[in-house]
Amino acid sequence: MEPYIIKARYYETDQMGIIHHSNYIRWMEEARIDMMEQMGYPYRRFEEMGYLSPVLRAECEYKKSVKFGDTVKIVISLGDCGRLKFSLNYQMYNLSQGGVLCAAGSTRHCFLNRETGLPVMMDKELGEFFEAMKSMASE
């Protein structure tokens, strides 16, 4: 899986001239969508199949500031993958500062049936995706 690379944009900065903390969560979402596309499972595909994947929890620990114009590499790994829920870990490295770890985060997700709003057992309804996610653990 290729890491997600982003260049920090001016509008993402705060009054102190650094990237506002809320943008790291957005970057994690962008990286997650990119990861799913790389796996061959674009998020739109799930929507067309009648599924949604809400974020159940998002956390981020900020270690070093990122500034406008810095290039950040986001590496995703699987935290856990159960039948109902899965979690992803994100390591964000500032390539403009020699690759220093600038933030670390995680998100927890599930899949819901769009019509009923009920959780989906991934191994039964999304078996191919479930196996692809589980294989991430061995990478």
N, C-alpha and C. Protein backbone atom coordinates (compact mmCIF):
# COMPACT_ATOMS: atom_id res chain seq x y z
N MET A 1 0.84 -1.17 0.00
CA MET A 1 0.00 0.00 0.00
C MET A 1 0.89 1.25 0.00
N GLU A 2 0.68 2.10 -0.96
CA GLU A 2 1.45 3.34 -1.03
C GLU A 2 0.94 4.33 0.01
N PRO A 3 1.84 5.05 0.67
CA PRO A 3 1.39 6.07 1.63
C PRO A 3 0.69 7.21 0.90
N TYR A 4 -0.12 7.92 1.63
CA TYR A 4 -0.82 9.08 1.10
C TYR A 4 0.05 10.31 1.35
N ILE A 5 0.25 11.12 0.33
CA ILE A 5 1.08 12.32 0.45
C ILE A 5 0.19 13.55 0.27
N ILE A 6 0.37 14.52 1.15
CA ILE A 6 -0.42 15.75 1.06
C ILE A 6 0.50 16.95 1.30
N LYS A 7 0.23 18.01 0.60
CA LYS A 7 0.96 19.26 0.82
C LYS A 7 0.04 20.19 1.61
N ALA A 8 0.51 20.65 2.75
CA ALA A 8 -0.30 21.48 3.64
C ALA A 8 -0.69 22.78 2.93
N ARG A 9 -1.98 23.04 2.93
CA ARG A 9 -2.53 24.19 2.22
C ARG A 9 -2.69 25.40 3.15
N TYR A 10 -2.61 26.58 2.57
CA TYR A 10 -2.67 27.81 3.35
C TYR A 10 -3.96 27.90 4.16
N TYR A 11 -5.10 27.56 3.56
CA TYR A 11 -6.37 27.71 4.26
C TYR A 11 -6.49 26.77 5.46
N GLU A 12 -5.58 25.79 5.58
CA GLU A 12 -5.60 24.87 6.70
C GLU A 12 -4.87 25.41 7.93
N THR A 13 -4.23 26.56 7.78
CA THR A 13 -3.47 27.11 8.91
C THR A 13 -4.38 27.87 9.87
N ASP A 14 -3.89 28.04 11.10
CA ASP A 14 -4.62 28.82 12.10
C ASP A 14 -3.91 30.16 12.32
N GLN A 15 -4.33 30.89 13.30
CA GLN A 15 -3.78 32.22 13.56
C GLN A 15 -2.29 32.17 13.92
N MET A 16 -1.82 31.01 14.38
CA MET A 16 -0.40 30.86 14.74
C MET A 16 0.47 30.48 13.54
N GLY A 17 -0.19 30.28 12.38
CA GLY A 17 0.57 29.95 11.17
C GLY A 17 0.90 28.47 11.03
N ILE A 18 0.26 27.64 11.86
CA ILE A 18 0.47 26.20 11.76
C ILE A 18 -0.85 25.54 11.35
N ILE A 19 -0.77 24.31 10.92
CA ILE A 19 -1.98 23.60 10.49
C ILE A 19 -2.90 23.41 11.69
N HIS A 20 -4.16 23.83 11.52
CA HIS A 20 -5.15 23.70 12.59
C HIS A 20 -5.37 22.22 12.90
N HIS A 21 -5.55 21.90 14.16
CA HIS A 21 -5.64 20.51 14.60
C HIS A 21 -6.76 19.73 13.91
N SER A 22 -7.85 20.37 13.54
CA SER A 22 -8.96 19.65 12.92
C SER A 22 -8.60 19.08 11.56
N ASN A 23 -7.63 19.68 10.89
CA ASN A 23 -7.27 19.22 9.55
C ASN A 23 -6.58 17.87 9.55
N TYR A 24 -5.95 17.48 10.63
CA TYR A 24 -5.32 16.16 10.69
C TYR A 24 -6.38 15.06 10.56
N ILE A 25 -7.55 15.28 11.15
CA ILE A 25 -8.65 14.31 11.04
C ILE A 25 -9.11 14.24 9.59
N ARG A 26 -9.19 15.39 8.92
CA ARG A 26 -9.55 15.40 7.49
C ARG A 26 -8.50 14.65 6.67
N TRP A 27 -7.24 14.87 6.98
CA TRP A 27 -6.17 14.18 6.25
C TRP A 27 -6.28 12.67 6.45
N MET A 28 -6.65 12.24 7.66
CA MET A 28 -6.82 10.82 7.92
C MET A 28 -7.95 10.27 7.04
N GLU A 29 -9.01 11.01 6.90
CA GLU A 29 -10.12 10.57 6.05
C GLU A 29 -9.68 10.49 4.58
N GLU A 30 -8.96 11.49 4.12
CA GLU A 30 -8.46 11.46 2.74
C GLU A 30 -7.56 10.24 2.53
N ALA A 31 -6.70 9.96 3.49
CA ALA A 31 -5.78 8.82 3.38
C ALA A 31 -6.56 7.50 3.39
N ARG A 32 -7.60 7.42 4.21
CA ARG A 32 -8.43 6.21 4.28
C ARG A 32 -9.15 5.97 2.95
N ILE A 33 -9.71 7.02 2.36
CA ILE A 33 -10.38 6.90 1.06
C ILE A 33 -9.38 6.46 -0.01
N ASP A 34 -8.18 7.03 0.03
CA ASP A 34 -7.13 6.66 -0.91
C ASP A 34 -6.73 5.19 -0.72
N MET A 35 -6.59 4.76 0.52
CA MET A 35 -6.24 3.37 0.82
C MET A 35 -7.28 2.42 0.24
N MET A 36 -8.56 2.73 0.42
CA MET A 36 -9.63 1.87 -0.09
C MET A 36 -9.58 1.81 -1.62
N GLU A 37 -9.29 2.93 -2.26
CA GLU A 37 -9.16 2.93 -3.72
C GLU A 37 -7.99 2.06 -4.15
N GLN A 38 -6.86 2.17 -3.45
CA GLN A 38 -5.70 1.35 -3.77
C GLN A 38 -6.01 -0.14 -3.61
N MET A 39 -6.87 -0.48 -2.66
CA MET A 39 -7.26 -1.86 -2.43
C MET A 39 -8.24 -2.36 -3.49
N GLY A 40 -8.78 -1.44 -4.30
CA GLY A 40 -9.78 -1.82 -5.30
C GLY A 40 -11.20 -1.72 -4.79
N TYR A 41 -11.39 -1.01 -3.68
CA TYR A 41 -12.70 -0.83 -3.08
C TYR A 41 -13.00 0.65 -2.84
N PRO A 42 -13.21 1.42 -3.92
CA PRO A 42 -13.52 2.83 -3.71
C PRO A 42 -14.78 2.98 -2.86
N TYR A 43 -14.79 3.98 -2.01
CA TYR A 43 -15.92 4.16 -1.09
C TYR A 43 -17.24 4.25 -1.85
N ARG A 44 -17.22 4.87 -3.01
CA ARG A 44 -18.44 5.00 -3.83
C ARG A 44 -19.04 3.62 -4.11
N ARG A 45 -18.20 2.62 -4.29
CA ARG A 45 -18.67 1.25 -4.55
C ARG A 45 -19.55 0.75 -3.41
N PHE A 46 -19.15 1.01 -2.17
CA PHE A 46 -19.95 0.59 -1.02
C PHE A 46 -21.29 1.32 -1.00
N GLU A 47 -21.25 2.61 -1.29
CA GLU A 47 -22.50 3.38 -1.33
C GLU A 47 -23.44 2.82 -2.38
N GLU A 48 -22.91 2.49 -3.56
CA GLU A 48 -23.74 1.93 -4.63
C GLU A 48 -24.30 0.57 -4.25
N MET A 49 -23.60 -0.17 -3.39
CA MET A 49 -24.07 -1.47 -2.91
C MET A 49 -25.08 -1.32 -1.76
N GLY A 50 -25.26 -0.09 -1.27
CA GLY A 50 -26.22 0.14 -0.20
C GLY A 50 -25.64 0.13 1.20
N TYR A 51 -24.33 0.41 1.30
CA TYR A 51 -23.68 0.42 2.60
C TYR A 51 -23.08 1.80 2.89
N LEU A 52 -23.00 2.11 4.17
CA LEU A 52 -22.31 3.30 4.66
C LEU A 52 -21.29 2.84 5.69
N SER A 53 -20.23 3.62 5.85
CA SER A 53 -19.22 3.26 6.85
C SER A 53 -18.93 4.48 7.72
N PRO A 54 -19.69 4.64 8.78
CA PRO A 54 -19.48 5.80 9.65
C PRO A 54 -18.21 5.68 10.49
N VAL A 55 -17.70 6.82 10.88
CA VAL A 55 -16.59 6.88 11.84
C VAL A 55 -17.21 6.77 13.22
N LEU A 56 -16.80 5.78 13.98
CA LEU A 56 -17.31 5.59 15.34
C LEU A 56 -16.46 6.32 16.36
N ARG A 57 -15.17 6.48 16.03
CA ARG A 57 -14.24 7.16 16.93
C ARG A 57 -13.07 7.66 16.10
N ALA A 58 -12.57 8.82 16.46
CA ALA A 58 -11.36 9.37 15.83
C ALA A 58 -10.51 10.00 16.92
N GLU A 59 -9.21 9.68 16.88
CA GLU A 59 -8.27 10.24 17.84
C GLU A 59 -7.02 10.69 17.11
N CYS A 60 -6.39 11.72 17.64
CA CYS A 60 -5.15 12.17 17.05
C CYS A 60 -4.26 12.77 18.14
N GLU A 61 -3.01 12.35 18.14
CA GLU A 61 -2.02 12.92 19.05
C GLU A 61 -1.06 13.75 18.22
N TYR A 62 -0.94 15.01 18.59
CA TYR A 62 -0.12 15.96 17.84
C TYR A 62 1.26 16.01 18.47
N LYS A 63 2.29 15.81 17.65
CA LYS A 63 3.65 15.72 18.17
C LYS A 63 4.52 16.89 17.75
N LYS A 64 4.45 17.28 16.47
CA LYS A 64 5.24 18.40 15.94
C LYS A 64 4.36 19.19 14.99
N SER A 65 4.53 20.49 14.98
CA SER A 65 3.72 21.35 14.13
C SER A 65 4.03 21.14 12.65
N VAL A 66 2.99 21.30 11.85
CA VAL A 66 3.11 21.31 10.40
C VAL A 66 2.73 22.70 9.94
N LYS A 67 3.47 23.24 8.98
CA LYS A 67 3.22 24.59 8.48
C LYS A 67 2.81 24.56 7.02
N PHE A 68 2.26 25.68 6.59
CA PHE A 68 1.86 25.84 5.19
C PHE A 68 3.02 25.45 4.27
N GLY A 69 2.70 24.64 3.26
CA GLY A 69 3.71 24.24 2.28
C GLY A 69 4.46 22.97 2.63
N ASP A 70 4.39 22.52 3.88
CA ASP A 70 5.07 21.27 4.26
C ASP A 70 4.41 20.09 3.56
N THR A 71 5.20 19.08 3.27
CA THR A 71 4.69 17.86 2.66
C THR A 71 4.62 16.78 3.74
N VAL A 72 3.44 16.16 3.85
CA VAL A 72 3.20 15.17 4.89
C VAL A 72 2.88 13.83 4.24
N LYS A 73 3.53 12.79 4.74
CA LYS A 73 3.28 11.41 4.30
C LYS A 73 2.46 10.72 5.38
N ILE A 74 1.36 10.10 4.97
CA ILE A 74 0.49 9.40 5.92
C ILE A 74 0.54 7.91 5.61
N VAL A 75 0.95 7.13 6.61
CA VAL A 75 1.04 5.68 6.49
C VAL A 75 -0.09 5.08 7.33
N ILE A 76 -0.87 4.20 6.71
CA ILE A 76 -2.00 3.58 7.40
C ILE A 76 -1.70 2.11 7.65
N SER A 77 -2.10 1.65 8.83
CA SER A 77 -2.03 0.22 9.14
C SER A 77 -3.32 -0.20 9.82
N LEU A 78 -3.62 -1.48 9.73
CA LEU A 78 -4.82 -2.01 10.34
C LEU A 78 -4.60 -2.16 11.83
N GLY A 79 -5.51 -1.60 12.62
CA GLY A 79 -5.45 -1.79 14.07
C GLY A 79 -6.04 -3.12 14.45
N ASP A 80 -7.31 -3.30 14.13
CA ASP A 80 -7.97 -4.59 14.32
C ASP A 80 -9.10 -4.69 13.31
N CYS A 81 -9.57 -5.90 13.10
CA CYS A 81 -10.63 -6.14 12.13
C CYS A 81 -11.49 -7.27 12.63
N GLY A 82 -12.62 -6.92 13.24
CA GLY A 82 -13.57 -7.91 13.69
C GLY A 82 -14.70 -8.04 12.69
N ARG A 83 -15.68 -8.84 13.02
CA ARG A 83 -16.80 -9.06 12.11
C ARG A 83 -17.66 -7.82 11.94
N LEU A 84 -17.73 -6.98 12.98
CA LEU A 84 -18.57 -5.79 12.94
C LEU A 84 -17.81 -4.48 12.78
N LYS A 85 -16.63 -4.41 13.37
CA LYS A 85 -15.89 -3.16 13.42
C LYS A 85 -14.43 -3.37 13.02
N PHE A 86 -13.84 -2.29 12.54
CA PHE A 86 -12.40 -2.32 12.27
C PHE A 86 -11.81 -0.97 12.64
N SER A 87 -10.52 -0.97 12.94
CA SER A 87 -9.85 0.28 13.26
C SER A 87 -8.59 0.40 12.41
N LEU A 88 -8.24 1.64 12.14
CA LEU A 88 -7.06 1.96 11.35
C LEU A 88 -6.17 2.89 12.16
N ASN A 89 -4.86 2.73 11.99
CA ASN A 89 -3.87 3.60 12.63
C ASN A 89 -3.18 4.43 11.56
N TYR A 90 -2.88 5.66 11.90
CA TYR A 90 -2.28 6.61 10.97
C TYR A 90 -1.01 7.19 11.59
N GLN A 91 0.08 7.13 10.85
CA GLN A 91 1.33 7.77 11.25
C GLN A 91 1.58 8.87 10.22
N MET A 92 1.71 10.11 10.68
CA MET A 92 1.90 11.25 9.78
C MET A 92 3.31 11.81 9.96
N TYR A 93 4.05 11.81 8.86
CA TYR A 93 5.45 12.23 8.87
C TYR A 93 5.61 13.50 8.05
N ASN A 94 6.29 14.48 8.61
CA ASN A 94 6.54 15.72 7.90
C ASN A 94 7.83 15.57 7.09
N LEU A 95 7.67 15.36 5.79
CA LEU A 95 8.83 15.16 4.91
C LEU A 95 9.65 16.44 4.77
N SER A 96 9.00 17.59 4.98
CA SER A 96 9.71 18.87 4.88
C SER A 96 10.60 19.13 6.08
N GLN A 97 10.42 18.35 7.13
CA GLN A 97 11.25 18.46 8.33
C GLN A 97 12.03 17.17 8.55
N GLY A 98 12.45 16.55 7.46
CA GLY A 98 13.29 15.37 7.55
C GLY A 98 12.56 14.08 7.88
N GLY A 99 11.25 14.07 7.74
CA GLY A 99 10.49 12.84 7.99
C GLY A 99 10.12 12.63 9.44
N VAL A 100 10.13 13.69 10.24
CA VAL A 100 9.78 13.59 11.66
C VAL A 100 8.29 13.23 11.80
N LEU A 101 7.99 12.37 12.78
CA LEU A 101 6.61 12.02 13.09
C LEU A 101 5.92 13.25 13.66
N CYS A 102 4.91 13.74 12.96
CA CYS A 102 4.24 14.96 13.42
C CYS A 102 2.90 14.67 14.09
N ALA A 103 2.30 13.53 13.78
CA ALA A 103 1.02 13.17 14.42
C ALA A 103 0.79 11.68 14.26
N ALA A 104 0.03 11.13 15.20
CA ALA A 104 -0.38 9.73 15.15
C ALA A 104 -1.84 9.67 15.54
N GLY A 105 -2.62 8.92 14.78
CA GLY A 105 -4.04 8.86 15.06
C GLY A 105 -4.62 7.50 14.79
N SER A 106 -5.91 7.39 15.08
CA SER A 106 -6.64 6.16 14.79
C SER A 106 -8.10 6.49 14.56
N THR A 107 -8.76 5.64 13.80
CA THR A 107 -10.20 5.75 13.59
C THR A 107 -10.80 4.36 13.73
N ARG A 108 -12.05 4.33 14.16
CA ARG A 108 -12.80 3.07 14.29
C ARG A 108 -14.05 3.19 13.42
N HIS A 109 -14.39 2.11 12.71
CA HIS A 109 -15.48 2.13 11.75
C HIS A 109 -16.31 0.85 11.83
N CYS A 110 -17.47 0.93 11.21
CA CYS A 110 -18.28 -0.25 10.96
C CYS A 110 -18.96 -0.01 9.61
N PHE A 111 -19.74 -0.95 9.17
CA PHE A 111 -20.57 -0.77 7.98
C PHE A 111 -22.02 -0.89 8.41
N LEU A 112 -22.84 -0.03 7.82
CA LEU A 112 -24.28 -0.06 8.08
C LEU A 112 -25.01 -0.30 6.77
N ASN A 113 -26.14 -1.00 6.86
CA ASN A 113 -27.04 -1.11 5.73
C ASN A 113 -27.74 0.24 5.60
N ARG A 114 -27.63 0.86 4.44
CA ARG A 114 -28.17 2.21 4.25
C ARG A 114 -29.68 2.26 4.51
N GLU A 115 -30.41 1.24 4.10
CA GLU A 115 -31.87 1.25 4.25
C GLU A 115 -32.32 1.03 5.68
N THR A 116 -31.71 0.07 6.37
CA THR A 116 -32.16 -0.27 7.72
C THR A 116 -31.41 0.48 8.81
N GLY A 117 -30.19 0.93 8.49
CA GLY A 117 -29.36 1.57 9.50
C GLY A 117 -28.72 0.57 10.45
N LEU A 118 -28.88 -0.71 10.18
CA LEU A 118 -28.34 -1.75 11.06
C LEU A 118 -26.91 -2.11 10.67
N PRO A 119 -26.11 -2.52 11.66
CA PRO A 119 -24.73 -2.93 11.38
C PRO A 119 -24.69 -4.16 10.48
N VAL A 120 -23.62 -4.26 9.72
CA VAL A 120 -23.41 -5.34 8.76
C VAL A 120 -22.29 -6.24 9.28
N MET A 121 -22.50 -7.53 9.19
CA MET A 121 -21.43 -8.49 9.50
C MET A 121 -20.55 -8.55 8.26
N MET A 122 -19.36 -7.95 8.37
CA MET A 122 -18.50 -7.82 7.20
C MET A 122 -18.13 -9.17 6.59
N ASP A 123 -17.85 -10.16 7.43
CA ASP A 123 -17.43 -11.45 6.89
C ASP A 123 -18.53 -12.13 6.08
N LYS A 124 -19.80 -11.79 6.34
CA LYS A 124 -20.91 -12.41 5.61
C LYS A 124 -21.33 -11.58 4.40
N GLU A 125 -21.47 -10.27 4.57
CA GLU A 125 -21.99 -9.42 3.49
C GLU A 125 -20.90 -8.78 2.63
N LEU A 126 -19.72 -8.62 3.20
CA LEU A 126 -18.60 -7.97 2.49
C LEU A 126 -17.36 -8.85 2.59
N GLY A 127 -17.54 -10.13 2.32
CA GLY A 127 -16.48 -11.12 2.54
C GLY A 127 -15.17 -10.81 1.85
N GLU A 128 -15.24 -10.41 0.59
CA GLU A 128 -14.02 -10.13 -0.17
C GLU A 128 -13.26 -8.94 0.44
N PHE A 129 -13.99 -7.89 0.79
CA PHE A 129 -13.37 -6.72 1.43
C PHE A 129 -12.82 -7.10 2.80
N PHE A 130 -13.59 -7.88 3.55
CA PHE A 130 -13.17 -8.32 4.88
C PHE A 130 -11.83 -9.06 4.81
N GLU A 131 -11.69 -9.96 3.85
CA GLU A 131 -10.44 -10.70 3.69
C GLU A 131 -9.30 -9.76 3.26
N ALA A 132 -9.59 -8.80 2.40
CA ALA A 132 -8.57 -7.85 1.98
C ALA A 132 -8.09 -7.00 3.16
N MET A 133 -9.03 -6.62 4.02
CA MET A 133 -8.65 -5.85 5.22
C MET A 133 -7.79 -6.71 6.14
N LYS A 134 -8.19 -7.94 6.37
CA LYS A 134 -7.43 -8.83 7.25
C LYS A 134 -6.02 -9.05 6.71
N SER A 135 -5.87 -9.08 5.39
CA SER A 135 -4.54 -9.30 4.80
C SER A 135 -3.63 -8.09 5.02
N MET A 136 -4.20 -6.91 5.29
CA MET A 136 -3.39 -5.73 5.61
C MET A 136 -2.53 -5.96 6.85
N ALA A 137 -3.03 -6.74 7.76
CA ALA A 137 -2.32 -6.99 9.03
C ALA A 137 -0.98 -7.68 8.79
N SER A 138 -0.90 -8.46 7.71
CA SER A 138 0.33 -9.20 7.45
C SER A 138 1.32 -8.42 6.59
N GLU A 139 0.93 -7.23 6.13
CA GLU A 139 1.83 -6.42 5.29
C GLU A 139 2.83 -5.66 6.13
